[in-house]
Every structure is written in structure tokens, then in C-alpha cells.
Amino acid sequence: MRYYQSERVLPRPRKHGHYARYTGEHVERIRRIAEFQERGLKLEAIRAVLAHEDSGAVGDWLGLDAALRNPWVSDESRTMSLSDLHQLLGRRPRRLVGELADTSVVSRQADGSFLVPSPALLDIALRLFDAGVSIDVADRAATLLRRRLAKAAEDLVALFEGETGRSFAGSGTPDEIARALDTVRPIALDAAALILAQEMERALRHLAATGPRPARRP
């Protein structure tokens, strides 16, 4: 209780002598704080939500929160057994299980199962293997892309956030921002694929002009 009071998300109780008296309003506020925390909101964000006394404003904010957290791709982690992985590998070498477990693509669990953080990335790694790219190189390529694109994503979010209410999302109401994000999502994915393809083409043309480095001998 005192912690929430110090964070200014819970009103201080009335004092009766040496005793603090909490009311039903305090109980309801604690319930709402717990609900917001389950959504993943930090206390700073919860404080901002609770500052809106009318339920309509809070509802708008929560609608925007849901839009911001809406996944852009359908790729949920899953747990697989060894037989599941063998079935997925098909005719590929069984040694790939160990190679996958040595990367971030698959994580071996204490009970002998395997956690696959991104089934889509696992599929890409196997497709690259079929094309002659080792699992290790595929994993390093994914790590490199994630590192570079993470910075680009942060910069893009900062750009759109800075333009909200001016040249992005109309006047910047929660409903307008949610609609704008729904429109931007597929366009952003297409743009990322297009720009990456253009840059790969540019880099490969440069490689063709300068000549590849001699292959390393094993």
C-alpha cells in the first residue's frame, strides 16, 4: 500500500488516531492497478491512465494501448519434442538438431524438449540450409539483421511519434493513432522487404565490380 502511495497511484488513507482507514475506493484502485500491471503497463503509465477520471478517456487510452501492443506477425513461440524436430527435419541430417540447439533458433530445455522462440525463423534457417547455407551462418545472419533493424525500428517509432498530430494520425487522438497504425503496418512490412532487397542488390553489384575474396580453405 505504502509503495503505491509513494508512486502516486493510490490515494493516502484517512487517519483515525494511529490507524489508517482504507475504503472501498482504495480496494477498487488496487484492483485496477493489478489489472493494468497484468497488461504490462509500468507504474508511470498507470499513473497517467488513472489521472483520467472519466471512463471514456481511460477506455480510449486502453484502446490505443491495445493497438500499440498488437502483434505485427503471427509467430508465437512453441515447445517441440525431439520427435517433433525429427519430423520437421524430414530427410535432412539428424545432426541438425544439435546444430540448431547451438544457436538462438532452438533452445534445449531441461526436460529434453526444445523451445522454438520463432517457428518462422526456424523455417527460414532450414530453407537456407537446403540452399547450402549452414545453420550457424543462418543464425548469424538473423542476429545481424535483428541488430541493425532494431535500431531502424526505434528510429521509425520516434519519427512517427514526433509527427503524431501533425503529419501523422490526424489530430493525434487515440482512435486516429490506432487507425493510422493499422494502415501503416502492412505498408511498413512491404517497405522493409523492398528496401532490403534494393540494398542487397546494390551490395551484390559492388561485390561483382570488385570481385569476391578468395574462398577460405578448410
Protein backbone atom coordinates (compact mmCIF):
# COMPACT_ATOMS: atom_id res chain seq x y z
CA MET A 1 0.00 0.00 0.00
CA ARG A 2 2.66 2.50 1.00
CA TYR A 3 4.66 1.74 -2.13
CA TYR A 4 1.71 2.57 -4.38
CA GLN A 5 1.09 5.72 -2.36
CA SER A 6 4.71 6.80 -2.79
CA GLU A 7 4.34 6.22 -6.55
CA ARG A 8 1.21 8.41 -6.54
CA VAL A 9 -1.11 5.78 -7.97
CA LEU A 10 -3.02 5.20 -4.73
CA PRO A 11 -4.53 7.96 -2.55
CA ARG A 12 -3.39 8.09 1.05
CA PRO A 13 -5.96 6.79 3.54
CA ARG A 14 -7.66 8.87 6.14
CA LYS A 15 -6.10 8.81 9.56
CA HIS A 16 -8.07 7.94 12.68
CA GLY A 17 -5.65 8.34 15.53
CA HIS A 18 -2.80 5.94 14.89
CA TYR A 19 -4.81 3.89 12.38
CA ALA A 20 -5.18 4.26 8.62
CA ARG A 21 -8.65 3.76 7.23
CA TYR A 22 -8.95 2.33 3.72
CA THR A 23 -12.24 2.46 1.85
CA GLY A 24 -13.83 0.56 -1.00
CA GLU A 25 -12.33 3.13 -3.37
CA HIS A 26 -8.85 2.05 -2.29
CA VAL A 27 -9.73 -1.59 -2.90
CA GLU A 28 -11.07 -0.78 -6.37
CA ARG A 29 -7.96 1.27 -7.17
CA ILE A 30 -5.70 -1.65 -6.15
CA ARG A 31 -7.76 -3.96 -8.37
CA ARG A 32 -7.37 -1.63 -11.34
CA ILE A 33 -3.63 -1.23 -10.74
CA ALA A 34 -3.26 -5.03 -10.74
CA GLU A 35 -5.26 -5.24 -13.98
CA PHE A 36 -3.06 -2.64 -15.67
CA GLN A 37 0.11 -4.37 -14.47
CA GLU A 38 -1.13 -7.63 -15.98
CA ARG A 39 -1.36 -5.75 -19.29
CA GLY A 40 2.33 -4.93 -18.92
CA LEU A 41 1.95 -1.26 -18.01
CA LYS A 42 4.58 0.37 -15.81
CA LEU A 43 3.53 2.48 -12.85
CA GLU A 44 4.32 5.68 -14.73
CA ALA A 45 1.85 4.72 -17.45
CA ILE A 46 -0.70 3.56 -14.87
CA ARG A 47 -0.43 6.94 -13.16
CA ALA A 48 -1.22 8.66 -16.46
CA VAL A 49 -4.23 6.42 -17.09
CA LEU A 50 -5.66 6.88 -13.62
CA ALA A 51 -5.29 10.63 -13.96
CA HIS A 52 -8.22 10.48 -16.39
CA GLU A 53 -11.21 10.28 -14.10
CA ASP A 54 -13.85 9.70 -16.75
CA SER A 55 -14.07 6.14 -18.03
CA GLY A 56 -14.34 7.27 -21.65
CA ALA A 57 -10.86 8.78 -21.65
CA VAL A 58 -9.44 5.70 -19.96
CA GLY A 59 -11.20 3.50 -22.49
CA ASP A 60 -9.64 5.47 -25.36
CA TRP A 61 -6.19 5.17 -23.80
CA LEU A 62 -6.57 1.41 -23.29
CA GLY A 63 -7.75 1.07 -26.89
CA LEU A 64 -4.59 2.80 -28.03
CA ASP A 65 -2.53 0.62 -25.69
CA ALA A 66 -4.04 -2.47 -27.32
CA ALA A 67 -3.23 -1.09 -30.79
CA LEU A 68 0.38 -0.41 -29.79
CA ARG A 69 0.77 -3.95 -28.45
CA ASN A 70 -0.97 -5.64 -31.39
CA PRO A 71 1.49 -8.14 -32.95
CA TRP A 72 2.70 -7.39 -36.45
CA VAL A 73 3.38 -11.02 -37.34
CA SER A 74 1.77 -14.30 -36.35
CA ASP A 75 4.78 -16.16 -35.00
CA GLU A 76 4.31 -17.42 -31.45
CA SER A 77 6.94 -19.48 -29.68
CA ARG A 78 6.29 -23.18 -29.24
CA THR A 79 7.79 -26.17 -27.49
CA MET A 80 8.73 -29.23 -29.56
CA SER A 81 9.82 -32.73 -28.62
CA LEU A 82 12.80 -34.42 -30.21
CA SER A 83 10.45 -36.49 -32.36
CA ASP A 84 8.68 -33.29 -33.44
CA LEU A 85 12.01 -31.84 -34.59
CA HIS A 86 12.95 -35.06 -36.39
CA GLN A 87 9.62 -34.99 -38.19
CA LEU A 88 10.16 -31.35 -39.13
CA LEU A 89 13.65 -32.10 -40.45
CA GLY A 90 12.31 -34.82 -42.71
CA ARG A 91 15.18 -36.26 -44.73
CA ARG A 92 17.65 -33.68 -43.51
CA PRO A 93 20.56 -34.94 -41.36
CA ARG A 94 19.67 -35.64 -37.72
CA ARG A 95 22.82 -33.77 -36.67
CA LEU A 96 20.95 -30.57 -37.43
CA VAL A 97 19.16 -30.90 -34.08
CA GLY A 98 22.45 -30.34 -32.27
CA GLU A 99 23.46 -27.54 -34.63
CA LEU A 100 20.13 -25.80 -34.09
CA ALA A 101 20.44 -26.16 -30.33
CA ASP A 102 23.83 -24.43 -30.51
CA THR A 103 22.17 -21.31 -31.94
CA SER A 104 19.39 -18.95 -30.88
CA VAL A 105 16.99 -20.65 -33.29
CA VAL A 106 16.23 -23.55 -30.91
CA SER A 107 16.84 -23.83 -27.16
CA ARG A 108 17.21 -27.20 -25.45
CA GLN A 109 15.18 -27.42 -22.21
CA ALA A 110 15.99 -29.29 -19.01
CA ASP A 111 13.22 -31.84 -19.62
CA GLY A 112 14.64 -32.75 -23.03
CA SER A 113 12.16 -30.70 -25.05
CA PHE A 114 13.12 -27.81 -27.34
CA LEU A 115 11.86 -24.22 -27.18
CA VAL A 116 11.46 -22.59 -30.57
CA PRO A 117 11.20 -18.80 -29.98
CA SER A 118 10.27 -18.16 -33.61
CA PRO A 119 8.94 -21.05 -35.73
CA ALA A 120 9.12 -18.75 -38.76
CA LEU A 121 12.86 -18.18 -38.25
CA LEU A 122 13.36 -21.93 -37.80
CA ASP A 123 11.65 -22.47 -41.14
CA ILE A 124 13.88 -19.83 -42.76
CA ALA A 125 17.02 -21.45 -41.27
CA LEU A 126 16.03 -24.83 -42.72
CA ARG A 127 15.25 -23.30 -46.12
CA LEU A 128 18.66 -21.62 -46.10
CA PHE A 129 20.27 -24.96 -45.17
CA ASP A 130 18.57 -26.53 -48.18
CA ALA A 131 20.12 -23.76 -50.27
CA GLY A 132 23.61 -24.55 -48.98
CA VAL A 133 23.83 -22.13 -46.04
CA SER A 134 24.93 -23.64 -42.73
CA ILE A 135 22.73 -23.31 -39.64
CA ASP A 136 25.45 -21.26 -37.93
CA VAL A 137 25.67 -18.76 -40.78
CA ALA A 138 21.87 -18.52 -40.96
CA ASP A 139 21.74 -17.76 -37.23
CA ARG A 140 24.49 -15.13 -37.51
CA ALA A 141 22.63 -13.54 -40.43
CA ALA A 142 19.42 -13.36 -38.36
CA THR A 143 21.33 -11.83 -35.44
CA LEU A 144 22.91 -9.23 -37.73
CA LEU A 145 19.55 -8.32 -39.26
CA ARG A 146 17.88 -8.07 -35.87
CA ARG A 147 20.63 -5.82 -34.51
CA ARG A 148 20.51 -3.44 -37.47
CA LEU A 149 16.71 -3.46 -37.84
CA ALA A 150 16.14 -2.93 -34.11
CA LYS A 151 17.82 0.47 -34.38
CA ALA A 152 15.86 1.27 -37.54
CA ALA A 153 12.59 0.30 -35.81
CA GLU A 154 13.36 2.51 -32.81
CA ASP A 155 14.18 5.44 -35.10
CA LEU A 156 10.98 4.91 -37.11
CA VAL A 157 8.83 4.79 -33.97
CA ALA A 158 10.49 8.00 -32.76
CA LEU A 159 9.81 9.61 -36.17
CA PHE A 160 6.12 8.71 -36.20
CA GLU A 161 5.73 9.63 -32.54
CA GLY A 162 7.25 13.04 -33.19
CA GLU A 163 4.89 13.64 -36.12
CA THR A 164 1.74 12.42 -34.35
CA GLY A 165 -0.91 15.10 -34.55
CA ARG A 166 0.90 16.95 -37.30
CA SER A 167 1.67 14.90 -40.41
CA PHE A 168 0.71 11.53 -38.90
CA ALA A 169 -2.57 10.27 -37.41
CA GLY A 170 -4.66 13.38 -37.97
CA SER A 171 -5.04 15.37 -34.77
CA GLY A 172 -3.45 12.57 -32.76
CA THR A 173 -6.46 11.19 -30.89
CA PRO A 174 -6.14 7.58 -29.66
CA ASP A 175 -8.65 6.40 -32.26
CA GLU A 176 -6.83 8.20 -35.09
CA ILE A 177 -3.47 6.77 -33.98
CA ALA A 178 -4.91 3.24 -33.85
CA ARG A 179 -6.37 3.58 -37.37
CA ALA A 180 -3.11 5.04 -38.71
CA LEU A 181 -1.12 2.15 -37.25
CA ASP A 182 -3.45 -0.38 -38.87
CA THR A 183 -2.80 1.34 -42.21
CA VAL A 184 0.95 1.67 -41.73
CA ARG A 185 1.55 -1.93 -40.59
CA PRO A 186 1.30 -3.76 -43.97
CA ILE A 187 2.95 -0.86 -45.80
CA ALA A 188 5.90 -0.86 -43.38
CA LEU A 189 6.40 -4.61 -43.85
CA ASP A 190 6.34 -4.25 -47.64
CA ALA A 191 8.71 -1.26 -47.48
CA ALA A 192 11.18 -3.14 -45.27
CA ALA A 193 11.26 -6.10 -47.67
CA LEU A 194 11.62 -3.80 -50.70
CA ILE A 195 14.41 -1.65 -49.24
CA LEU A 196 16.34 -4.69 -48.02
CA ALA A 197 16.07 -6.23 -51.49
CA GLN A 198 17.30 -2.99 -53.09
CA GLU A 199 20.25 -2.78 -50.70
CA MET A 200 21.15 -6.44 -51.25
CA GLU A 201 21.13 -5.80 -54.98
CA ARG A 202 23.38 -2.77 -54.53
CA ALA A 203 25.83 -4.69 -52.30
CA LEU A 204 25.96 -7.63 -54.72
CA ARG A 205 26.64 -5.31 -57.65
CA HIS A 206 29.50 -3.80 -55.69
CA LEU A 207 30.81 -7.30 -54.99
CA ALA A 208 30.58 -8.15 -58.69
CA ALA A 209 32.52 -4.99 -59.57
CA THR A 210 35.31 -5.52 -57.04
CA GLY A 211 35.49 -9.29 -57.21
CA PRO A 212 34.89 -11.77 -54.38
CA ARG A 213 37.54 -12.56 -51.81
CA PRO A 214 39.32 -15.91 -52.21
CA ALA A 215 37.42 -18.74 -50.54
CA ARG A 216 38.88 -19.93 -47.27
CA ARG A 217 40.36 -23.39 -47.26
CA PRO A 218 39.01 -25.68 -44.53
